[in-house]
PDB file of N, CA and C in Angstrom:
ATOM      1  N   UNK A   1       0.904  -1.360  -0.195  1.00  0.00           N
ATOM      2  CA  UNK A   1       0.067  -0.355   0.341  1.00  0.00           C
ATOM      3  C   UNK A   1       0.899   1.362  -0.054  1.00  0.00           C
ATOM      4  N   UNK A   2       0.704   2.315  -0.719  1.00  0.00           N
ATOM      5  CA  UNK A   2       1.423   3.702  -1.192  1.00  0.00           C
ATOM      6  C   UNK A   2       0.976   4.243   0.278  1.00  0.00           C
ATOM      7  N   UNK A   3       1.923   5.155   0.675  1.00  0.00           N
ATOM      8  CA  UNK A   3       1.881   6.084   1.689  1.00  0.00           C
ATOM      9  C   UNK A   3       1.011   7.434   1.141  1.00  0.00           C
ATOM     10  N   UNK A   4       0.578   7.811   1.573  1.00  0.00           N
ATOM     11  CA  UNK A   4      -0.267   9.319   0.909  1.00  0.00           C
ATOM     12  C   UNK A   4       0.848   9.810   1.453  1.00  0.00           C
ATOM     13  N   UNK A   5       0.678  11.424   0.992  1.00  0.00           N
ATOM     14  CA  UNK A   5       1.609  12.423   0.638  1.00  0.00           C
ATOM     15  C   UNK A   5       0.831  13.531   2.152  1.00  0.00           C
ATOM     16  N   UNK A   6       0.649  14.034   2.929  1.00  0.00           N
ATOM     17  CA  UNK A   6       0.065  14.941   3.590  1.00  0.00           C
ATOM     18  C   UNK A   6       0.731  16.309   3.127  1.00  0.00           C
ATOM     19  N   UNK A   7      -0.166  17.054   2.345  1.00  0.00           N
ATOM     20  CA  UNK A   7       0.103  19.279   2.172  1.00  0.00           C
ATOM     21  C   UNK A   7      -0.006  19.587   3.267  1.00  0.00           C
ATOM     22  N   UNK A   8       1.462  20.288   3.961  1.00  0.00           N
ATOM     23  CA  UNK A   8       1.629  20.457   5.155  1.00  0.00           C
ATOM     24  C   UNK A   8       0.673  22.033   4.917  1.00  0.00           C
ATOM     25  N   UNK A   9       0.880  22.314   6.247  1.00  0.00           N
ATOM     26  CA  UNK A   9      -0.135  23.450   6.492  1.00  0.00           C
ATOM     27  C   UNK A   9       0.207  24.760   6.138  1.00  0.00           C
ATOM     28  N   UNK A  10       1.576  24.861   5.774  1.00  0.00           N
ATOM     29  CA  UNK A  10       2.409  26.032   5.435  1.00  0.00           C
ATOM     30  C   UNK A  10       2.516  25.872   4.148  1.00  0.00           C
ATOM     31  N   UNK A  11       1.934  24.872   2.919  1.00  0.00           N
ATOM     32  CA  UNK A  11       1.691  25.065   1.175  1.00  0.00           C
ATOM     33  C   UNK A  11       0.314  24.931   1.487  1.00  0.00           C
ATOM     34  N   UNK A  12      -0.400  24.415   2.167  1.00  0.00           N
ATOM     35  CA  UNK A  12      -1.761  24.546   1.919  1.00  0.00           C
ATOM     36  C   UNK A  12      -2.141  26.297   1.824  1.00  0.00           C
ATOM     37  N   UNK A  13      -1.366  26.634   2.857  1.00  0.00           N
ATOM     38  CA  UNK A  13      -1.956  28.320   3.069  1.00  0.00           C
ATOM     39  C   UNK A  13      -0.973  29.565   1.482  1.00  0.00           C
ATOM     40  N   UNK A  14       0.098  28.984   1.499  1.00  0.00           N
ATOM     41  CA  UNK A  14       0.287  29.291   0.586  1.00  0.00           C
ATOM     42  C   UNK A  14       0.332  29.640  -0.627  1.00  0.00           C
ATOM     43  N   UNK A  15      -0.710  27.920  -0.829  1.00  0.00           N
ATOM     44  CA  UNK A  15      -1.993  27.213  -1.965  1.00  0.00           C
ATOM     45  C   UNK A  15      -3.197  28.425  -2.125  1.00  0.00           C
ATOM     46  N   UNK A  16      -3.657  28.791  -0.896  1.00  0.00           N
ATOM     47  CA  UNK A  16      -5.029  28.840  -1.193  1.00  0.00           C
ATOM     48  C   UNK A  16      -4.647  30.973  -1.161  1.00  0.00           C
ATOM     49  N   UNK A  17      -3.220  31.567  -0.757  1.00  0.00           N
ATOM     50  CA  UNK A  17      -2.903  33.062  -0.907  1.00  0.00           C
ATOM     51  C   UNK A  17      -2.929  33.101  -2.410  1.00  0.00           C
ATOM     52  N   UNK A  18      -1.932  32.124  -3.345  1.00  0.00           N
ATOM     53  CA  UNK A  18      -2.194  32.312  -4.459  1.00  0.00           C
ATOM     54  C   UNK A  18      -3.105  32.130  -5.215  1.00  0.00           C
ATOM     55  N   UNK A  19      -4.360  31.658  -4.798  1.00  0.00           N
ATOM     56  CA  UNK A  19      -5.173  31.018  -5.680  1.00  0.00           C
ATOM     57  C   UNK A  19      -6.157  32.285  -5.245  1.00  0.00           C
ATOM     58  N   UNK A  20      -5.840  32.920  -3.964  1.00  0.00           N
ATOM     59  CA  UNK A  20      -6.474  33.833  -3.934  1.00  0.00           C
ATOM     60  C   UNK A  20      -6.375  35.535  -4.960  1.00  0.00           C
ATOM     61  N   UNK A  21      -5.086  35.726  -5.172  1.00  0.00           N
ATOM     62  CA  UNK A  21      -4.593  36.218  -5.987  1.00  0.00           C
ATOM     63  C   UNK A  21      -4.784  36.202  -7.065  1.00  0.00           C
ATOM     64  N   UNK A  22      -4.356  35.428  -7.537  1.00  0.00           N
ATOM     65  CA  UNK A  22      -4.858  34.641  -9.224  1.00  0.00           C
ATOM     66  C   UNK A  22      -6.651  35.110  -9.396  1.00  0.00           C
ATOM     67  N   UNK A  23      -7.479  34.839  -8.780  1.00  0.00           N
ATOM     68  CA  UNK A  23      -8.851  34.400  -8.540  1.00  0.00           C
ATOM     69  C   UNK A  23      -9.199  36.192  -8.519  1.00  0.00           C
ATOM     70  N   UNK A  24      -8.222  36.987  -7.002  1.00  0.00           N
ATOM     71  CA  UNK A  24      -8.787  39.070  -6.973  1.00  0.00           C
ATOM     72  C   UNK A  24      -8.578  39.211  -8.846  1.00  0.00           C
ATOM     73  N   UNK A  25      -6.827  39.153  -9.445  1.00  0.00           N
ATOM     74  CA  UNK A  25      -6.697  40.227 -10.930  1.00  0.00           C
ATOM     75  C   UNK A  25      -7.437  39.987 -11.760  1.00  0.00           C
ATOM     76  N   UNK A  26      -8.122  38.441 -11.853  1.00  0.00           N
ATOM     77  CA  UNK A  26      -9.160  37.627 -12.798  1.00  0.00           C
ATOM     78  C   UNK A  26     -10.458  38.282 -13.194  1.00  0.00           C
ATOM     79  N   UNK A  27     -10.771  38.680 -11.263  1.00  0.00           N
ATOM     80  CA  UNK A  27     -12.228  39.212 -11.455  1.00  0.00           C
ATOM     81  C   UNK A  27     -12.255  40.736 -11.411  1.00  0.00           C
ATOM     82  N   UNK A  28     -11.173  41.633 -11.234  1.00  0.00           N
ATOM     83  CA  UNK A  28     -11.261  43.191 -10.588  1.00  0.00           C
ATOM     84  C   UNK A  28     -12.332  43.023  -9.370  1.00  0.00           C
ATOM     85  N   UNK A  29     -11.955  41.851  -8.534  1.00  0.00           N
ATOM     86  CA  UNK A  29     -12.319  42.652  -6.884  1.00  0.00           C
ATOM     87  C   UNK A  29     -10.709  43.484  -6.287  1.00  0.00           C
ATOM     88  N   UNK A  30     -11.599  44.497  -5.768  1.00  0.00           N
ATOM     89  CA  UNK A  30     -10.766  45.888  -4.847  1.00  0.00           C
ATOM     90  C   UNK A  30     -10.014  44.619  -3.872  1.00  0.00           C
ATOM     91  N   UNK A  31      -8.773  44.364  -3.534  1.00  0.00           N
ATOM     92  CA  UNK A  31      -8.181  44.228  -2.310  1.00  0.00           C
ATOM     93  C   UNK A  31      -8.581  45.074  -1.382  1.00  0.00           C
ATOM     94  N   UNK A  32      -8.543  46.260  -1.389  1.00  0.00           N
ATOM     95  CA  UNK A  32      -8.563  47.462  -0.255  1.00  0.00           C
ATOM     96  C   UNK A  32      -9.837  47.715  -1.013  1.00  0.00           C
ATOM     97  N   UNK A  33     -11.434  48.325  -0.105  1.00  0.00           N
ATOM     98  CA  UNK A  33     -12.274  48.522  -0.269  1.00  0.00           C
ATOM     99  C   UNK A  33     -12.051  50.266  -0.209  1.00  0.00           C
ATOM    100  N   UNK A  34     -11.345  50.859   0.582  1.00  0.00           N
ATOM    101  CA  UNK A  34     -10.680  52.316   0.768  1.00  0.00           C
ATOM    102  C   UNK A  34     -10.242  53.101  -0.686  1.00  0.00           C
ATOM    103  N   UNK A  35      -9.275  52.096  -1.080  1.00  0.00           N
ATOM    104  CA  UNK A  35      -8.566  52.418  -2.353  1.00  0.00           C
ATOM    105  C   UNK A  35      -9.519  52.488  -3.227  1.00  0.00           C
ATOM    106  N   UNK A  36      -9.268  53.618  -4.360  1.00  0.00           N
ATOM    107  CA  UNK A  36     -10.302  53.800  -5.275  1.00  0.00           C
ATOM    108  C   UNK A  36      -9.354  52.859  -6.623  1.00  0.00           C
ATOM    109  N   UNK A  37     -10.207  52.400  -8.022  1.00  0.00           N
ATOM    110  CA  UNK A  37      -9.643  51.500  -9.180  1.00  0.00           C
ATOM    111  C   UNK A  37     -10.312  52.609  -9.982  1.00  0.00           C
ATOM    112  N   UNK A  38      -9.200  53.133 -11.018  1.00  0.00           N
ATOM    113  CA  UNK A  38      -9.065  53.342 -11.921  1.00  0.00           C
ATOM    114  C   UNK A  38      -9.375  52.709 -13.224  1.00  0.00           C
ATOM    115  N   UNK A  39      -9.541  52.754 -14.260  1.00  0.00           N
ATOM    116  CA  UNK A  39     -10.201  52.001 -15.215  1.00  0.00           C
ATOM    117  C   UNK A  39     -10.412  52.710 -16.408  1.00  0.00           C
ATOM    118  N   UNK A  40      -9.643  51.429 -17.122  1.00  0.00           N
ATOM    119  CA  UNK A  40      -9.887  51.956 -18.566  1.00  0.00           C
ATOM    120  C   UNK A  40     -11.003  51.661 -19.006  1.00  0.00           C
ATOM    121  N   UNK A  41     -11.312  52.428 -20.310  1.00  0.00           N
ATOM    122  CA  UNK A  41     -12.426  52.005 -21.679  1.00  0.00           C
ATOM    123  C   UNK A  41     -12.809  50.579 -21.613  1.00  0.00           C
ATOM    124  N   UNK A  42     -11.882  49.996 -21.753  1.00  0.00           N
ATOM    125  CA  UNK A  42     -12.233  48.633 -21.984  1.00  0.00           C
ATOM    126  C   UNK A  42     -12.815  47.645 -20.231  1.00  0.00           C
ATOM    127  N   UNK A  43     -12.063  48.500 -19.466  1.00  0.00           N
ATOM    128  CA  UNK A  43     -12.478  48.249 -18.240  1.00  0.00           C
ATOM    129  C   UNK A  43     -14.235  48.217 -17.573  1.00  0.00           C
ATOM    130  N   UNK A  44     -14.027  49.849 -18.110  1.00  0.00           N
ATOM    131  CA  UNK A  44     -15.147  50.189 -17.715  1.00  0.00           C
ATOM    132  C   UNK A  44     -16.464  49.580 -18.906  1.00  0.00           C
ATOM    133  N   UNK A  45     -15.898  49.060 -19.930  1.00  0.00           N
ATOM    134  CA  UNK A  45     -16.985  48.531 -20.452  1.00  0.00           C
ATOM    135  C   UNK A  45     -17.493  47.299 -20.331  1.00  0.00           C
ATOM    136  N   UNK A  46     -16.843  46.341 -19.625  1.00  0.00           N
ATOM    137  CA  UNK A  46     -16.787  45.417 -18.635  1.00  0.00           C
ATOM    138  C   UNK A  46     -18.151  45.145 -17.588  1.00  0.00           C
ATOM    139  N   UNK A  47     -17.022  46.536 -17.498  1.00  0.00           N
ATOM    140  CA  UNK A  47     -17.991  47.150 -15.840  1.00  0.00           C
ATOM    141  C   UNK A  47     -20.104  47.162 -16.268  1.00  0.00           C
ATOM    142  N   UNK A  48     -19.850  48.051 -17.113  1.00  0.00           N
ATOM    143  CA  UNK A  48     -21.347  48.562 -17.865  1.00  0.00           C
ATOM    144  C   UNK A  48     -21.737  48.224 -18.216  1.00  0.00           C
ATOM    145  N   UNK A  49     -21.291  47.382 -19.087  1.00  0.00           N
ATOM    146  CA  UNK A  49     -22.347  46.716 -20.262  1.00  0.00           C
ATOM    147  C   UNK A  49     -22.383  47.534 -21.451  1.00  0.00           C
ATOM    148  N   UNK A  50     -21.821  48.397 -21.520  1.00  0.00           N
ATOM    149  CA  UNK A  50     -22.070  49.805 -22.707  1.00  0.00           C
ATOM    150  C   UNK A  50     -21.306  49.375 -23.946  1.00  0.00           C
ATOM    151  N   UNK A  51     -21.303  49.753 -25.014  1.00  0.00           N
ATOM    152  CA  UNK A  51     -19.815  49.745 -26.045  1.00  0.00           C
ATOM    153  C   UNK A  51     -19.673  51.024 -25.996  1.00  0.00           C
ATOM    154  N   UNK A  52     -17.936  51.154 -26.297  1.00  0.00           N
ATOM    155  CA  UNK A  52     -17.182  52.434 -26.241  1.00  0.00           C
ATOM    156  C   UNK A  52     -17.625  53.280 -27.275  1.00  0.00           C
ATOM    157  N   UNK A  53     -18.323  53.044 -27.801  1.00  0.00           N
ATOM    158  CA  UNK A  53     -18.766  54.159 -28.740  1.00  0.00           C
ATOM    159  C   UNK A  53     -19.693  54.964 -27.901  1.00  0.00           C
ATOM    160  N   UNK A  54     -21.215  54.190 -27.547  1.00  0.00           N
ATOM    161  CA  UNK A  54     -21.990  54.765 -26.240  1.00  0.00           C
ATOM    162  C   UNK A  54     -21.151  55.930 -24.848  1.00  0.00           C
ATOM    163  N   UNK A  55     -20.101  54.767 -24.342  1.00  0.00           N
ATOM    164  CA  UNK A  55     -19.448  55.387 -23.483  1.00  0.00           C
ATOM    165  C   UNK A  55     -17.916  56.599 -24.512  1.00  0.00           C
ATOM    166  N   UNK A  56     -17.645  56.599 -25.575  1.00  0.00           N
ATOM    167  CA  UNK A  56     -17.107  57.827 -26.114  1.00  0.00           C
ATOM    168  C   UNK A  56     -18.244  59.151 -25.928  1.00  0.00           C
ATOM    169  N   UNK A  57     -19.696  58.809 -26.599  1.00  0.00           N
ATOM    170  CA  UNK A  57     -20.838  59.682 -26.278  1.00  0.00           C
ATOM    171  C   UNK A  57     -20.664  60.526 -25.361  1.00  0.00           C
ATOM    172  N   UNK A  58     -20.894  59.552 -24.388  1.00  0.00           N
ATOM    173  CA  UNK A  58     -21.083  60.101 -22.515  1.00  0.00           C
ATOM    174  C   UNK A  58     -20.022  61.318 -22.653  1.00  0.00           C
ATOM    175  N   UNK A  59     -18.642  60.765 -23.011  1.00  0.00           N
ATOM    176  CA  UNK A  59     -17.934  61.385 -22.507  1.00  0.00           C
ATOM    177  C   UNK A  59     -17.716  62.820 -23.368  1.00  0.00           C
ATOM    178  N   UNK A  60     -18.167  62.608 -24.625  1.00  0.00           N
ATOM    179  CA  UNK A  60     -18.779  64.088 -25.503  1.00  0.00           C
ATOM    180  C   UNK A  60     -19.431  65.451 -25.021  1.00  0.00           C
ATOM    181  N   UNK A  61     -20.490  64.323 -24.477  1.00  0.00           N
ATOM    182  CA  UNK A  61     -21.273  65.000 -23.588  1.00  0.00           C
ATOM    183  C   UNK A  61     -21.238  65.387 -22.263  1.00  0.00           C
ATOM    184  N   UNK A  62     -19.889  65.139 -21.334  1.00  0.00           N
ATOM    185  CA  UNK A  62     -19.793  65.419 -20.385  1.00  0.00           C
ATOM    186  C   UNK A  62     -21.052  65.060 -19.416  1.00  0.00           C
ATOM    187  N   UNK A  63     -20.926  64.098 -20.209  1.00  0.00           N
ATOM    188  CA  UNK A  63     -22.642  63.167 -18.870  1.00  0.00           C
ATOM    189  C   UNK A  63     -22.425  61.639 -18.385  1.00  0.00           C
ATOM    190  N   UNK A  64     -20.553  61.585 -18.364  1.00  0.00           N
ATOM    191  CA  UNK A  64     -20.291  60.974 -17.063  1.00  0.00           C
ATOM    192  C   UNK A  64     -19.089  61.003 -16.920  1.00  0.00           C
ATOM    193  N   UNK A  65     -19.055  60.818 -15.397  1.00  0.00           N
ATOM    194  CA  UNK A  65     -17.022  61.257 -14.584  1.00  0.00           C
ATOM    195  C   UNK A  65     -16.526  60.659 -15.613  1.00  0.00           C
ATOM    196  N   UNK A  66     -15.311  60.874 -16.179  1.00  0.00           N
ATOM    197  CA  UNK A  66     -13.891  60.662 -16.180  1.00  0.00           C
ATOM    198  C   UNK A  66     -12.971  61.573 -16.097  1.00  0.00           C
ATOM    199  N   UNK A  67     -12.294  61.060 -16.513  1.00  0.00           N
ATOM    200  CA  UNK A  67     -10.278  61.868 -15.888  1.00  0.00           C
ATOM    201  C   UNK A  67      -9.784  61.895 -17.328  1.00  0.00           C
ATOM    202  N   UNK A  68      -8.687  62.492 -17.712  1.00  0.00           N
ATOM    203  CA  UNK A  68      -7.880  62.690 -19.153  1.00  0.00           C
ATOM    204  C   UNK A  68      -6.878  62.738 -18.966  1.00  0.00           C
ATOM    205  N   UNK A  69      -6.210  62.108 -18.610  1.00  0.00           N
ATOM    206  CA  UNK A  69      -4.826  62.440 -18.904  1.00  0.00           C
ATOM    207  C   UNK A  69      -3.560  61.554 -19.746  1.00  0.00           C
ATOM    208  N   UNK A  70      -3.803  62.067 -20.455  1.00  0.00           N
ATOM    209  CA  UNK A  70      -3.360  61.297 -22.311  1.00  0.00           C
ATOM    210  C   UNK A  70      -4.059  60.464 -23.038  1.00  0.00           C
ATOM    211  N   UNK A  71      -4.808  59.547 -21.720  1.00  0.00           N
ATOM    212  CA  UNK A  71      -5.436  58.561 -22.463  1.00  0.00           C
ATOM    213  C   UNK A  71      -7.076  59.271 -21.062  1.00  0.00           C
ATOM    214  N   UNK A  72      -8.311  58.144 -21.390  1.00  0.00           N
ATOM    215  CA  UNK A  72      -9.603  58.071 -20.754  1.00  0.00           C
ATOM    216  C   UNK A  72      -9.285  57.722 -19.799  1.00  0.00           C
ATOM    217  N   UNK A  73      -9.473  58.292 -18.451  1.00  0.00           N
ATOM    218  CA  UNK A  73      -9.780  56.837 -17.010  1.00  0.00           C
ATOM    219  C   UNK A  73     -11.400  57.765 -16.553  1.00  0.00           C
ATOM    220  N   UNK A  74     -11.284  56.328 -15.980  1.00  0.00           N
ATOM    221  CA  UNK A  74     -12.461  56.471 -15.106  1.00  0.00           C
ATOM    222  C   UNK A  74     -12.380  55.678 -13.434  1.00  0.00           C
ATOM    223  N   UNK A  75     -12.942  56.765 -12.759  1.00  0.00           N
ATOM    224  CA  UNK A  75     -12.882  56.066 -11.183  1.00  0.00           C
ATOM    225  C   UNK A  75     -14.450  55.426 -11.261  1.00  0.00           C
ATOM    226  N   UNK A  76     -13.795  53.940 -10.372  1.00  0.00           N
ATOM    227  CA  UNK A  76     -14.645  52.744 -10.582  1.00  0.00           C
ATOM    228  C   UNK A  76     -16.799  53.028  -9.655  1.00  0.00           C
ATOM    229  N   UNK A  77     -15.458  54.003  -8.186  1.00  0.00           N
ATOM    230  CA  UNK A  77     -16.151  54.830  -7.065  1.00  0.00           C
ATOM    231  C   UNK A  77     -17.309  55.687  -7.767  1.00  0.00           C
ATOM    232  N   UNK A  78     -16.656  56.727  -8.652  1.00  0.00           N
ATOM    233  CA  UNK A  78     -17.548  57.917  -9.979  1.00  0.00           C
ATOM    234  C   UNK A  78     -18.211  56.980 -10.392  1.00  0.00           C
ATOM    235  N   UNK A  79     -18.338  56.481 -11.144  1.00  0.00           N
ATOM    236  CA  UNK A  79     -19.069  56.187 -12.009  1.00  0.00           C
ATOM    237  C   UNK A  79     -20.326  54.580 -11.224  1.00  0.00           C
ATOM    238  N   UNK A  80     -19.983  54.172 -10.303  1.00  0.00           N
ATOM    239  CA  UNK A  80     -21.325  54.023  -9.628  1.00  0.00           C
ATOM    240  C   UNK A  80     -22.000  54.458  -9.128  1.00  0.00           C
ATOM    241  N   UNK A  81     -21.968  55.691  -8.574  1.00  0.00           N
ATOM    242  CA  UNK A  81     -22.578  56.832  -8.263  1.00  0.00           C
ATOM    243  C   UNK A  81     -22.928  57.459  -9.317  1.00  0.00           C
ATOM    244  N   UNK A  82     -22.436  57.488 -10.629  1.00  0.00           N
ATOM    245  CA  UNK A  82     -23.046  58.338 -11.465  1.00  0.00           C
ATOM    246  C   UNK A  82     -24.413  56.820 -11.502  1.00  0.00           C
ATOM    247  N   UNK A  83     -23.769  55.940 -11.672  1.00  0.00           N
ATOM    248  CA  UNK A  83     -25.091  55.007 -11.921  1.00  0.00           C
ATOM    249  C   UNK A  83     -26.366  55.018 -11.083  1.00  0.00           C
ATOM    250  N   UNK A  84     -25.726  55.099  -9.668  1.00  0.00           N
ATOM    251  CA  UNK A  84     -27.042  54.970  -8.867  1.00  0.00           C
ATOM    252  C   UNK A  84     -27.950  56.614  -8.799  1.00  0.00           C
ATOM    253  N   UNK A  85     -26.957  57.360  -9.186  1.00  0.00           N
ATOM    254  CA  UNK A  85     -28.088  58.446  -9.557  1.00  0.00           C
ATOM    255  C   UNK A  85     -29.390  58.975 -10.923  1.00  0.00           C
ATOM    256  N   UNK A  86     -28.838  57.832 -11.359  1.00  0.00           N
ATOM    257  CA  UNK A  86     -29.718  57.544 -12.466  1.00  0.00           C
ATOM    258  C   UNK A  86     -30.991  56.852 -12.065  1.00  0.00           C
ATOM    259  N   UNK A  87     -31.176  56.779 -10.788  1.00  0.00           N
ATOM    260  CA  UNK A  87     -32.564  55.955 -10.413  1.00  0.00           C
ATOM    261  C   UNK A  87     -33.732  56.247 -10.075  1.00  0.00           C
ATOM    262  N   UNK A  88     -35.098  55.481 -10.952  1.00  0.00           N
ATOM    263  CA  UNK A  88     -36.437  56.317 -11.189  1.00  0.00           C
ATOM    264  C   UNK A  88     -37.179  55.690  -9.822  1.00  0.00           C
ATOM    265  N   UNK A  89     -38.182  56.639  -9.895  1.00  0.00           N
ATOM    266  CA  UNK A  89     -39.334  56.962  -8.912  1.00  0.00           C
ATOM    267  C   UNK A  89     -39.936  55.931  -9.189  1.00  0.00           C
ATOM    268  N   UNK A  90     -41.002  54.685  -8.167  1.00  0.00           N
ATOM    269  CA  UNK A  90     -41.941  53.781  -8.877  1.00  0.00           C
ATOM    270  C   UNK A  90     -43.098  54.473  -8.847  1.00  0.00           C
ATOM    271  N   UNK A  91     -43.891  54.424  -9.797  1.00  0.00           N
ATOM    272  CA  UNK A  91     -45.269  55.190  -9.519  1.00  0.00           C
ATOM    273  C   UNK A  91     -46.141  54.764  -8.529  1.00  0.00           C
ATOM    274  N   UNK A  92     -46.076  53.990  -7.377  1.00  0.00           N
ATOM    275  CA  UNK A  92     -46.175  53.792  -5.916  1.00  0.00           C
ATOM    276  C   UNK A  92     -45.294  54.733  -4.912  1.00  0.00           C
ATOM    277  N   UNK A  93     -44.291  54.428  -5.254  1.00  0.00           N
ATOM    278  CA  UNK A  93     -43.301  55.928  -4.343  1.00  0.00           C
ATOM    279  C   UNK A  93     -43.752  57.168  -4.457  1.00  0.00           C
ATOM    280  N   UNK A  94     -44.138  57.506  -5.666  1.00  0.00           N
ATOM    281  CA  UNK A  94     -44.878  58.706  -6.489  1.00  0.00           C
ATOM    282  C   UNK A  94     -45.397  59.107  -5.842  1.00  0.00           C
ATOM    283  N   UNK A  95     -46.733  58.454  -5.641  1.00  0.00           N
ATOM    284  CA  UNK A  95     -47.915  58.394  -4.742  1.00  0.00           C
ATOM    285  C   UNK A  95     -47.926  58.129  -3.654  1.00  0.00           C
ATOM    286  N   UNK A  96     -46.992  58.133  -2.771  1.00  0.00           N
ATOM    287  CA  UNK A  96     -46.527  58.011  -1.521  1.00  0.00           C
ATOM    288  C   UNK A  96     -46.499  59.053  -0.730  1.00  0.00           C
ATOM    289  N   UNK A  97     -45.389  59.965  -1.919  1.00  0.00           N
ATOM    290  CA  UNK A  97     -45.181  60.763  -1.765  1.00  0.00           C
ATOM    291  C   UNK A  97     -45.627  61.884  -1.571  1.00  0.00           C
ATOM    292  N   UNK A  98     -46.622  61.801  -2.188  1.00  0.00           N
ATOM    293  CA  UNK A  98     -47.973  62.825  -2.903  1.00  0.00           C
ATOM    294  C   UNK A  98     -48.831  62.856  -1.936  1.00  0.00           C
ATOM    295  N   UNK A  99     -48.959  62.043  -1.217  1.00  0.00           N
ATOM    296  CA  UNK A  99     -49.830  61.888  -0.324  1.00  0.00           C
ATOM    297  C   UNK A  99     -49.694  62.080   1.052  1.00  0.00           C
ATOM    298  N   UNK A 100     -48.502  62.091   1.255  1.00  0.00           N
ATOM    299  CA  UNK A 100     -47.490  62.682   1.663  1.00  0.00           C
ATOM    300  C   UNK A 100     -47.504  63.524   2.063  1.00  0.00           C
ATOM    301  N   UNK A 101     -46.877  64.356   1.229  1.00  0.00           N
ATOM    302  CA  UNK A 101     -46.960  65.678   0.804  1.00  0.00           C
ATOM    303  C   UNK A 101     -48.097  66.457   0.942  1.00  0.00           C
ATOM    304  N   UNK A 102     -49.276  66.306   0.856  1.00  0.00           N
ATOM    305  CA  UNK A 102     -51.117  66.346   0.618  1.00  0.00           C
ATOM    306  C   UNK A 102     -51.542  66.318   2.170  1.00  0.00           C
ATOM    307  N   UNK A 103     -50.540  65.546   2.417  1.00  0.00           N
ATOM    308  CA  UNK A 103     -50.682  64.725   4.703  1.00  0.00           C
ATOM    309  C   UNK A 103     -50.961  66.094   5.484  1.00  0.00           C
ATOM    310  N   UNK A 104     -49.577  66.493   4.881  1.00  0.00           N
ATOM    311  CA  UNK A 104     -49.046  67.893   5.709  1.00  0.00           C
ATOM    312  C   UNK A 104     -49.158  69.237   5.441  1.00  0.00           C
ATOM    313  N   UNK A 105     -49.653  69.064   4.137  1.00  0.00           N
ATOM    314  CA  UNK A 105     -49.501  71.101   3.475  1.00  0.00           C
ATOM    315  C   UNK A 105     -51.082  70.400   2.573  1.00  0.00           C
ATOM    316  N   UNK A 106     -52.362  70.598   4.005  1.00  0.00           N
ATOM    317  CA  UNK A 106     -54.258  70.341   3.336  1.00  0.00           C
ATOM    318  C   UNK A 106     -54.148  71.513   1.908  1.00  0.00           C
ATOM    319  N   UNK A 107     -55.103  70.978   1.429  1.00  0.00           N
ATOM    320  CA  UNK A 107     -55.333  72.899   1.459  1.00  0.00           C
ATOM    321  C   UNK A 107     -56.378  73.725   2.127  1.00  0.00           C
ATOM    322  N   UNK A 108     -55.714  74.793   1.840  1.00  0.00           N
ATOM    323  CA  UNK A 108     -57.072  75.312   2.162  1.00  0.00           C
ATOM    324  C   UNK A 108     -57.726  76.201   1.676  1.00  0.00           C
TER     325      UNK A 108
END
């Protein structure tokens, strides 16, 4: 019967660390949440699922936050905030707000 070689705890830890680093790079996961990430236009295309042409159009209209230093860069946090700022109210929430306003400010 062959003896099974057991992996040492140190080797297992090293392998786990390397796998984590590789997955982080592949998936674009931010290691440090306090550190903002600069994205190229190609990375932004993947993040927000828009074409380069559409993004260039938004940049031309100054409709999307961007930075230009030789080429275009986008801060991930600014892009996420920009997306969130486009949220639309539902009819139900608009009716609730209108009713709340009328309750506080009745017609005279």
